[in-house]
Amino acid sequence: MRIAIFTDSFLPGVGGTEKAVLGLANSLKDMGEEVVVCTPKYKKHDDSVFKFPVFRCGSMKLTQNDYYAFPSMSRKFKKALRQFNPQVIHCQSVSPMTAYAIKYAKKHDIPLVMTVHTKFKTAFSRSIKSKVIVNGLIKNLVKKLYKADKVFTVSNDMIPELNSYGFNNQITVIRNGAMFERITNLDEIKPLALKTYNLQDEKNILLYVGHIVKFKNLQFTLDALKIVKEEVPDFKMLFVGKGFDDEYFKKYAASLGLSENVLFTGQITDKELLSSLYSIGELFVFPSIFDNDPLTIVEAALHKVPAITIKGTGSSERITDNVSGFTMDNDLNVFANKIIYLLKNKKVLKEAGENAEKMIPKEWSKTAKEYLNEYKSLLK
């Protein structure tokens, strides 16, 4: 089957959607399907590293990781897509690439499906202060969703979110797979991160991996850590990643007296070093109420690191509370006291980490098979 995956976010960008597109495309290719990724041109990119072709179209840089695509103006892109002659189009975003994909699918009478990864109202409101403009963007998004033959999302939490936008068609949940393979040499990979960041003497290492932005609820994390420090002063919290609010959170951590306890590593693109950082963590701290199915929780689980999340969010859906991780009420003191308890009860942490490794990860091959069955059903 010839499958074209359309996305406005792809490597060398950094984020969950980029990882999801890569994981799906790799797995479909491994299963013997023909697959291409259609995406904007980035300033720096090397597409020779992928198993599949990447069709890039002209674009304009908006932010560090965001590009606005112009597929209809790119002759080379349109020719490559026409020659590939897709049988199915799968959109992983709802911006310019999807607008073009909708027109192409209608013209050539082929199925088009969409996977929604993001809580768009929150994302739009982050940078756009006008409610009128945000509501207009949401209305346009819903129009696109209604033009899809089928809509998927990655968590149950997203279904009422999309309903609140005004989209009431059927929504199917298919969870993402994990980018890391199962780790069999945890003790061997730990020294790299310990040495790189001089953490050999640290006893209580907490971890966060993701964008350093306010809507990830990182202020809640730091406020909780201030309470934790009163009972467990000798902990280290690693924030791995970068984002718009790096400097804000560095200053905020200092204002809470946490400068000695908190380390911002910046973005890590070295997969070996990132894996090592995961391996030294004892608890993955992720109180985001924005994320739907964060792959970082899965990656942590593959390294036997359990996560603590907020109950009833997309971030908590894979976790069985007090078995493969911890889901807490959205209460600062409750959240902080649970971290204190876990740091004082390492046996509980270890057991949860071992259960997380067994229960949480999903292979990308399984996700790809689910999508492939959906494609075949639509083609019939």
Protein backbone atom coordinates (compact mmCIF):
# COMPACT_ATOMS: atom_id res chain seq x y z
CA MET A 1 0.00 0.00 0.00
CA ARG A 2 1.20 3.51 -0.81
CA ILE A 3 0.76 5.78 2.22
CA ALA A 4 1.56 9.52 2.34
CA ILE A 5 1.93 10.95 5.84
CA PHE A 6 1.37 14.71 5.93
CA THR A 7 2.72 16.70 8.85
CA ASP A 8 3.72 20.29 9.64
CA SER A 9 6.10 18.99 12.35
CA PHE A 10 8.96 16.64 11.52
CA LEU A 11 12.65 16.15 12.15
CA PRO A 12 14.92 17.97 12.73
CA GLY A 13 12.18 19.53 14.86
CA VAL A 14 11.85 18.19 18.39
CA GLY A 15 8.58 17.06 19.93
CA GLY A 16 6.02 14.31 20.35
CA THR A 17 4.44 14.67 16.91
CA GLU A 18 7.85 14.44 15.23
CA LYS A 19 8.59 11.21 17.12
CA ALA A 20 5.14 9.80 16.33
CA VAL A 21 5.50 10.44 12.60
CA LEU A 22 8.97 8.85 12.57
CA GLY A 23 7.81 5.82 14.55
CA LEU A 24 4.77 5.21 12.34
CA ALA A 25 6.64 5.71 9.07
CA ASN A 26 9.50 3.40 10.14
CA SER A 27 7.11 0.66 11.22
CA LEU A 28 4.97 0.83 8.09
CA LYS A 29 8.16 0.63 6.01
CA ASP A 30 9.39 -2.37 8.04
CA MET A 31 6.04 -4.06 7.35
CA GLY A 32 6.67 -3.81 3.62
CA GLU A 33 4.42 -0.83 2.88
CA GLU A 34 5.45 2.10 0.68
CA VAL A 35 5.45 5.27 2.75
CA VAL A 36 6.53 8.89 2.31
CA VAL A 37 6.48 11.81 4.72
CA CYS A 38 5.30 15.16 3.32
CA THR A 39 6.51 18.08 5.40
CA PRO A 40 7.98 21.62 5.28
CA LYS A 41 11.60 22.33 4.46
CA TYR A 42 13.67 23.09 7.55
CA LYS A 43 16.79 25.23 7.57
CA LYS A 44 18.94 22.21 8.37
CA HIS A 45 17.85 18.70 7.51
CA ASP A 46 19.42 15.48 6.28
CA ASP A 47 16.74 13.21 4.87
CA SER A 48 19.25 10.54 3.81
CA VAL A 49 19.11 9.10 7.36
CA PHE A 50 15.50 7.89 6.95
CA LYS A 51 14.29 4.53 5.66
CA PHE A 52 11.63 6.28 3.58
CA PRO A 53 11.51 9.24 1.20
CA VAL A 54 10.73 12.68 2.60
CA PHE A 55 8.98 15.16 0.30
CA ARG A 56 9.76 18.71 1.46
CA CYS A 57 7.94 21.82 0.30
CA GLY A 58 8.83 25.49 0.56
CA SER A 59 8.27 27.04 3.97
CA MET A 60 8.76 30.07 6.19
CA LYS A 61 10.31 29.80 9.66
CA LEU A 62 7.99 30.95 12.45
CA THR A 63 9.77 29.80 15.62
CA GLN A 64 12.73 27.59 16.47
CA ASN A 65 10.82 24.42 15.62
CA ASP A 66 7.80 25.69 13.66
CA TYR A 67 7.65 26.27 9.91
CA TYR A 68 4.72 27.47 7.80
CA ALA A 69 4.47 25.35 4.67
CA PHE A 70 3.57 26.36 1.11
CA PRO A 71 2.91 23.01 -0.59
CA SER A 72 0.72 24.43 -3.36
CA MET A 73 3.61 26.69 -4.45
CA SER A 74 6.25 23.93 -4.58
CA ARG A 75 6.47 22.35 -8.03
CA LYS A 76 9.03 19.75 -7.03
CA PHE A 77 6.91 18.68 -4.07
CA LYS A 78 3.72 18.39 -6.13
CA LYS A 79 5.50 16.40 -8.85
CA ALA A 80 7.00 13.96 -6.31
CA LEU A 81 3.61 13.39 -4.68
CA ARG A 82 1.92 12.88 -8.05
CA GLN A 83 4.54 10.32 -9.07
CA PHE A 84 4.21 8.48 -5.74
CA ASN A 85 0.45 8.31 -6.35
CA PRO A 86 -0.69 7.60 -2.75
CA GLN A 87 -3.60 5.27 -2.03
CA VAL A 88 -4.13 6.72 1.46
CA ILE A 89 -3.25 10.06 3.05
CA HIS A 90 -2.67 10.26 6.80
CA CYS A 91 -2.48 13.77 8.29
CA GLN A 92 -0.70 14.25 11.61
CA SER A 93 -1.38 17.98 11.92
CA VAL A 94 -4.13 20.42 10.92
CA SER A 95 -2.16 23.31 9.39
CA PRO A 96 -1.16 24.13 5.77
CA MET A 97 0.03 20.61 4.91
CA THR A 98 -3.38 19.22 5.85
CA ALA A 99 -5.24 21.88 3.84
CA TYR A 100 -3.30 20.78 0.76
CA ALA A 101 -3.81 17.08 1.58
CA ILE A 102 -7.59 17.54 1.81
CA LYS A 103 -7.71 19.07 -1.67
CA TYR A 104 -5.42 16.38 -3.09
CA ALA A 105 -7.46 13.54 -1.57
CA LYS A 106 -10.73 14.97 -2.86
CA LYS A 107 -9.34 15.52 -6.37
CA HIS A 108 -7.95 11.97 -6.60
CA ASP A 109 -10.80 10.31 -4.67
CA ILE A 110 -8.60 8.62 -2.06
CA PRO A 111 -9.20 8.14 1.70
CA LEU A 112 -7.84 10.73 4.11
CA VAL A 113 -7.49 10.21 7.85
CA MET A 114 -6.24 12.52 10.60
CA THR A 115 -4.57 11.94 13.95
CA VAL A 116 -4.93 14.75 16.49
CA HIS A 117 -2.04 15.00 18.96
CA THR A 118 -2.54 18.42 20.50
CA LYS A 119 -4.96 20.39 22.65
CA PHE A 120 -5.09 23.20 20.14
CA LYS A 121 -7.05 25.75 22.14
CA THR A 122 -4.37 25.76 24.83
CA ALA A 123 -1.59 25.80 22.24
CA PHE A 124 -3.13 28.68 20.28
CA SER A 125 -3.87 30.70 23.43
CA ARG A 126 -0.22 30.48 24.43
CA SER A 127 0.85 32.84 21.66
CA ILE A 128 -2.42 34.51 20.59
CA LYS A 129 -4.14 36.73 23.15
CA SER A 130 -7.26 37.44 21.10
CA LYS A 131 -10.10 35.01 21.92
CA VAL A 132 -11.78 35.95 18.64
CA ILE A 133 -8.75 34.83 16.63
CA VAL A 134 -8.32 31.65 18.69
CA ASN A 135 -11.99 30.73 18.24
CA GLY A 136 -11.65 31.39 14.51
CA LEU A 137 -8.68 29.04 14.30
CA ILE A 138 -10.58 26.36 16.22
CA LYS A 139 -13.56 26.74 13.86
CA ASN A 140 -11.25 26.29 10.87
CA LEU A 141 -9.68 23.23 12.52
CA VAL A 142 -13.09 21.62 13.00
CA LYS A 143 -13.97 22.19 9.33
CA LYS A 144 -10.85 20.23 8.37
CA LEU A 145 -11.67 17.42 10.79
CA TYR A 146 -15.13 17.02 9.23
CA LYS A 147 -13.48 16.54 5.84
CA ALA A 148 -11.54 13.48 7.04
CA ASP A 149 -12.87 9.98 6.38
CA LYS A 150 -11.83 9.05 9.89
CA VAL A 151 -10.35 10.90 12.89
CA PHE A 152 -7.99 9.38 15.43
CA THR A 153 -6.43 10.66 18.61
CA VAL A 154 -3.86 9.28 21.03
CA SER A 155 -5.80 9.45 24.31
CA ASN A 156 -9.34 9.24 25.65
CA ASP A 157 -8.79 12.66 27.20
CA MET A 158 -8.82 14.21 23.70
CA ILE A 159 -12.35 13.06 22.83
CA PRO A 160 -14.22 15.55 25.08
CA GLU A 161 -11.65 18.18 24.06
CA LEU A 162 -12.56 17.78 20.37
CA ASN A 163 -16.26 17.60 21.26
CA SER A 164 -15.92 20.95 23.02
CA TYR A 165 -14.57 22.42 19.76
CA GLY A 166 -17.77 21.34 18.02
CA PHE A 167 -16.54 18.11 16.40
CA ASN A 168 -18.97 15.29 17.11
CA ASN A 169 -18.10 12.58 14.58
CA GLN A 170 -16.66 9.25 15.71
CA ILE A 171 -13.14 9.48 17.18
CA THR A 172 -10.95 6.38 17.50
CA VAL A 173 -8.10 6.17 20.02
CA ILE A 174 -4.84 4.59 18.83
CA ARG A 175 -1.94 5.06 21.22
CA ASN A 176 1.57 5.83 20.04
CA GLY A 177 4.45 3.42 20.28
CA ALA A 178 7.81 3.92 21.97
CA MET A 179 10.92 5.20 20.19
CA PHE A 180 13.41 3.35 22.40
CA GLU A 181 13.88 -0.40 22.27
CA ARG A 182 13.56 -2.28 25.54
CA ILE A 183 16.67 -1.58 27.62
CA THR A 184 18.64 -4.61 28.78
CA ASN A 185 21.84 -2.90 29.97
CA LEU A 186 20.66 -0.22 32.38
CA ASP A 187 23.71 -0.42 34.65
CA GLU A 188 26.05 -0.07 31.67
CA ILE A 189 24.47 3.11 30.30
CA LYS A 190 24.18 5.02 33.60
CA PRO A 191 27.82 6.23 33.90
CA LEU A 192 27.61 8.50 30.83
CA ALA A 193 25.00 10.86 32.33
CA LEU A 194 26.45 10.62 35.83
CA LYS A 195 29.86 11.71 34.56
CA THR A 196 28.58 14.31 32.06
CA TYR A 197 26.62 16.17 34.73
CA ASN A 198 28.75 15.29 37.78
CA LEU A 199 25.92 13.42 39.50
CA GLN A 200 27.87 10.48 40.95
CA ASP A 201 27.08 11.47 44.54
CA GLU A 202 23.39 12.27 44.04
CA LYS A 203 20.97 9.95 45.88
CA ASN A 204 17.53 11.18 44.83
CA ILE A 205 17.33 12.01 41.11
CA LEU A 206 14.04 13.27 39.71
CA LEU A 207 13.53 13.73 35.98
CA TYR A 208 11.50 15.67 33.43
CA VAL A 209 11.99 15.42 29.66
CA GLY A 210 10.12 17.75 27.32
CA HIS A 211 9.63 21.35 26.27
CA ILE A 212 10.44 23.95 28.93
CA VAL A 213 7.23 25.93 28.62
CA LYS A 214 4.63 27.20 31.09
CA PHE A 215 1.70 25.21 29.71
CA LYS A 216 3.49 21.97 30.71
CA ASN A 217 2.70 22.93 34.33
CA LEU A 218 6.37 23.23 35.27
CA GLN A 219 5.66 26.00 37.76
CA PHE A 220 3.52 23.46 39.64
CA THR A 221 6.54 21.11 39.60
CA LEU A 222 8.87 23.72 41.08
CA ASP A 223 6.33 24.76 43.73
CA ALA A 224 5.98 21.10 44.71
CA LEU A 225 9.77 20.72 44.89
CA LYS A 226 9.99 23.64 47.32
CA ILE A 227 7.77 21.59 49.67
CA VAL A 228 9.79 18.44 48.98
CA LYS A 229 13.02 20.20 49.97
CA GLU A 230 11.74 20.76 53.50
CA GLU A 231 11.65 16.97 54.06
CA VAL A 232 14.20 15.69 51.53
CA PRO A 233 16.79 18.42 50.98
CA ASP A 234 19.27 16.24 49.07
CA PHE A 235 17.45 15.69 45.75
CA LYS A 236 18.33 16.67 42.20
CA MET A 237 15.69 17.53 39.61
CA LEU A 238 16.82 17.32 35.97
CA PHE A 239 14.87 19.32 33.39
CA VAL A 240 15.88 17.90 30.00
CA GLY A 241 14.82 20.01 27.02
CA LYS A 242 14.45 23.60 25.95
CA GLY A 243 11.62 26.00 25.20
CA PHE A 244 10.29 29.55 25.26
CA ASP A 245 10.38 29.75 29.05
CA ASP A 246 13.88 28.46 29.92
CA GLU A 247 15.05 31.68 31.52
CA TYR A 248 11.76 32.23 33.33
CA PHE A 249 11.98 28.85 35.07
CA LYS A 250 15.66 29.18 35.89
CA LYS A 251 14.90 32.46 37.67
CA TYR A 252 11.79 31.04 39.29
CA ALA A 253 13.72 28.04 40.64
CA ALA A 254 16.31 30.43 42.09
CA SER A 255 13.59 32.53 43.73
CA LEU A 256 12.34 29.39 45.51
CA GLY A 257 15.83 28.55 46.78
CA LEU A 258 16.14 25.54 44.47
CA SER A 259 19.22 26.52 42.47
CA GLU A 260 21.32 23.76 44.05
CA ASN A 261 18.59 21.17 43.51
CA VAL A 262 17.66 21.89 39.90
CA LEU A 263 19.64 21.33 36.71
CA PHE A 264 18.51 22.46 33.26
CA THR A 265 20.43 20.37 30.73
CA GLY A 266 19.09 21.99 27.57
CA GLN A 267 18.02 19.98 24.55
CA ILE A 268 19.63 16.54 24.21
CA THR A 269 19.79 15.18 20.66
CA ASP A 270 22.32 12.42 21.43
CA LYS A 271 20.14 9.33 21.86
CA GLU A 272 22.79 7.53 23.94
CA LEU A 273 23.09 10.42 26.39
CA LEU A 274 19.31 10.81 26.57
CA SER A 275 18.93 7.11 27.32
CA SER A 276 21.57 7.43 30.03
CA LEU A 277 19.70 10.39 31.57
CA TYR A 278 16.50 8.35 31.67
CA SER A 279 18.34 5.46 33.31
CA ILE A 280 19.60 7.50 36.28
CA GLY A 281 16.17 8.90 37.10
CA GLU A 282 14.25 7.39 39.99
CA LEU A 283 10.95 9.19 39.39
CA PHE A 284 9.64 10.92 36.26
CA VAL A 285 7.79 14.07 37.36
CA PHE A 286 5.12 15.00 34.81
CA PRO A 287 2.12 17.00 36.14
CA SER A 288 1.13 18.30 32.69
CA ILE A 289 -2.60 18.65 32.06
CA PHE A 290 -1.90 19.70 28.44
CA ASP A 291 -0.35 16.49 27.09
CA ASN A 292 -2.46 13.69 25.67
CA ASP A 293 -0.20 10.65 25.45
CA PRO A 294 3.33 11.86 26.23
CA LEU A 295 5.92 9.52 24.78
CA THR A 296 8.41 10.61 27.42
CA ILE A 297 6.41 8.68 30.04
CA VAL A 298 6.75 5.60 27.82
CA GLU A 299 10.47 6.22 27.31
CA ALA A 300 10.94 6.58 31.07
CA ALA A 301 9.06 3.31 31.62
CA LEU A 302 11.38 1.53 29.19
CA HIS A 303 14.20 2.56 31.54
CA LYS A 304 12.24 1.26 34.58
CA VAL A 305 11.47 4.80 35.76
CA PRO A 306 7.86 5.27 36.95
CA ALA A 307 6.02 8.55 36.42
CA ILE A 308 3.98 10.70 38.78
CA THR A 309 1.16 12.53 36.97
CA ILE A 310 -2.14 14.33 37.56
CA LYS A 311 -5.18 12.05 37.79
CA GLY A 312 -7.72 12.22 34.96
CA THR A 313 -5.33 13.66 32.34
CA GLY A 314 -4.06 12.17 29.09
CA SER A 315 -0.67 11.85 30.78
CA SER A 316 -2.11 9.45 33.35
CA GLU A 317 -4.06 7.09 31.08
CA ARG A 318 -1.37 4.44 30.63
CA ILE A 319 -0.61 4.31 34.36
CA THR A 320 -2.19 1.98 36.91
CA ASP A 321 -1.98 4.01 40.14
CA ASN A 322 0.47 2.67 42.73
CA VAL A 323 1.29 -0.24 40.41
CA SER A 324 3.04 1.07 37.28
CA GLY A 325 3.25 4.70 38.40
CA PHE A 326 1.37 7.29 40.40
CA THR A 327 -1.66 9.44 39.51
CA MET A 328 -2.41 12.20 41.99
CA ASP A 329 -5.15 14.77 42.55
CA ASN A 330 -4.38 18.19 41.12
CA ASP A 331 -3.32 19.46 44.54
CA LEU A 332 0.13 20.89 45.22
CA ASN A 333 0.53 19.47 48.73
CA VAL A 334 -0.80 16.04 47.80
CA PHE A 335 1.57 15.88 44.82
CA ALA A 336 4.58 17.05 46.84
CA ASN A 337 3.88 14.71 49.76
CA LYS A 338 3.70 11.75 47.39
CA ILE A 339 7.15 12.60 46.03
CA ILE A 340 8.46 12.84 49.61
CA TYR A 341 6.95 9.45 50.45
CA LEU A 342 8.44 7.83 47.35
CA LEU A 343 11.93 9.23 47.94
CA LYS A 344 11.77 7.80 51.46
CA ASN A 345 10.45 4.45 50.22
CA LYS A 346 12.73 3.38 47.40
CA LYS A 347 11.37 -0.16 47.36
CA VAL A 348 7.98 1.19 46.24
CA LEU A 349 9.68 3.22 43.52
CA LYS A 350 11.67 0.24 42.28
CA GLU A 351 8.65 -2.05 42.10
CA ALA A 352 6.65 0.59 40.23
CA GLY A 353 9.52 1.06 37.78
CA GLU A 354 9.70 -2.66 37.06
CA ASN A 355 5.93 -2.79 36.55
CA ALA A 356 6.04 0.30 34.31
CA GLU A 357 8.58 -1.38 32.04
CA LYS A 358 6.29 -4.40 31.65
CA MET A 359 2.92 -2.64 31.42
CA ILE A 360 3.27 0.79 29.78
CA PRO A 361 5.32 0.59 26.54
CA LYS A 362 3.65 -0.31 23.26
CA GLU A 363 5.64 -1.38 20.22
CA TRP A 364 5.32 0.89 17.19
CA SER A 365 4.69 -2.21 15.07
CA LYS A 366 1.41 -2.75 16.95
CA THR A 367 0.36 0.87 16.40
CA ALA A 368 1.25 0.62 12.70
CA LYS A 369 -0.80 -2.57 12.32
CA GLU A 370 -3.84 -0.86 13.86
CA TYR A 371 -3.54 2.03 11.42
CA LEU A 372 -2.92 -0.32 8.50
CA ASN A 373 -6.13 -2.20 9.28
CA GLU A 374 -7.98 1.12 9.30
CA TYR A 375 -6.49 2.09 5.92
CA LYS A 376 -7.53 -1.26 4.42
CA SER A 377 -11.05 -0.93 5.80
CA LEU A 378 -11.42 2.52 4.22
CA LEU A 379 -10.09 1.31 0.86
CA LYS A 380 -12.64 -1.50 0.82
